[in-house]
């Protein structure tokens, strides 16, 4: 008697792999879009407040921290 092999066909796995990859890329894209939107929002609000412009999108986190520093130092 032949032994039954339980080997999955490659095409069954491939579609699942593509689906997971697509979902991961969609989530990553959403996070980047949210970060950029927040950076633009903070840049606009800082212009209205008379603060210097953000030159780089990545400096948003530094700006957020810098806004809290004077409050901490004044205590």
Protein backbone atom coordinates (compact mmCIF):
# COMPACT_ATOMS: atom_id res chain seq x y z
CA UNK A 1 0.00 0.00 0.00
CA UNK A 2 1.13 3.49 -0.84
CA UNK A 3 1.40 6.07 1.89
CA UNK A 4 -0.83 9.07 1.49
CA UNK A 5 1.12 12.30 1.19
CA UNK A 6 -0.36 15.41 2.75
CA UNK A 7 1.62 17.95 0.77
CA UNK A 8 -0.07 21.25 0.09
CA UNK A 9 -0.08 22.54 -3.43
CA UNK A 10 1.97 25.69 -3.85
CA UNK A 11 -0.83 27.69 -5.50
CA UNK A 12 -3.06 27.30 -2.41
CA UNK A 13 -0.45 28.90 -0.21
CA UNK A 14 0.52 31.62 -2.68
CA UNK A 15 -2.86 33.38 -2.63
CA UNK A 16 -2.83 33.48 1.17
CA UNK A 17 0.70 34.87 1.14
CA UNK A 18 -0.29 37.59 -1.35
CA UNK A 19 -3.36 38.47 0.76
CA UNK A 20 -1.31 38.84 3.95
CA UNK A 21 1.33 40.90 2.13
CA UNK A 22 -1.35 43.21 0.68
CA UNK A 23 -2.97 43.73 4.09
CA UNK A 24 0.40 44.53 5.68
CA UNK A 25 1.23 47.05 2.94
CA UNK A 26 -2.19 48.68 3.32
CA UNK A 27 -1.71 49.10 7.07
CA UNK A 28 1.81 50.48 6.58
CA UNK A 29 0.56 52.94 3.94
CA UNK A 30 -2.22 54.11 6.27
CA UNK A 31 0.24 54.72 9.11
CA UNK A 32 2.55 56.73 6.85
CA UNK A 33 -0.39 58.75 5.53
CA UNK A 34 -1.58 59.51 9.08
CA UNK A 35 1.93 60.60 10.11
CA UNK A 36 2.32 62.91 7.09
CA UNK A 37 -1.16 64.37 7.64
CA UNK A 38 -0.31 65.07 11.28
CA UNK A 39 2.98 66.69 10.25
CA UNK A 40 1.18 69.00 7.80
CA UNK A 41 -1.46 69.80 10.45
CA UNK A 42 1.20 70.74 13.04
CA UNK A 43 3.01 72.84 10.45
CA UNK A 44 -0.17 74.82 9.74
CA UNK A 45 -1.00 75.31 13.40
CA UNK A 46 2.58 76.38 14.16
CA UNK A 47 2.36 78.99 11.37
CA UNK A 48 -0.82 80.39 12.93
CA UNK A 49 0.85 80.51 16.35
CA UNK A 50 3.83 82.37 14.87
CA UNK A 51 6.29 79.57 15.49
CA UNK A 52 9.01 78.74 12.91
CA UNK A 53 8.05 76.39 10.07
CA UNK A 54 8.85 72.70 10.13
CA UNK A 55 11.44 72.16 7.43
CA UNK A 56 11.32 68.38 7.53
CA UNK A 57 8.44 65.96 8.13
CA UNK A 58 10.60 63.85 10.45
CA UNK A 59 11.19 66.82 12.80
CA UNK A 60 7.54 66.70 13.90
CA UNK A 61 8.39 64.44 16.85
CA UNK A 62 11.18 66.82 17.89
CA UNK A 63 8.79 69.77 17.67
CA UNK A 64 6.23 67.94 19.81
CA UNK A 65 8.89 67.36 22.47
CA UNK A 66 10.22 70.95 22.17
CA UNK A 67 6.77 72.36 22.92
CA UNK A 68 6.75 70.62 26.31
CA UNK A 69 10.32 71.56 27.31
CA UNK A 70 9.63 75.23 28.26
CA UNK A 71 6.70 74.10 30.44
CA UNK A 72 8.94 71.64 32.28
CA UNK A 73 11.76 74.20 32.68
CA UNK A 74 9.42 76.88 34.03
CA UNK A 75 8.31 74.64 36.92
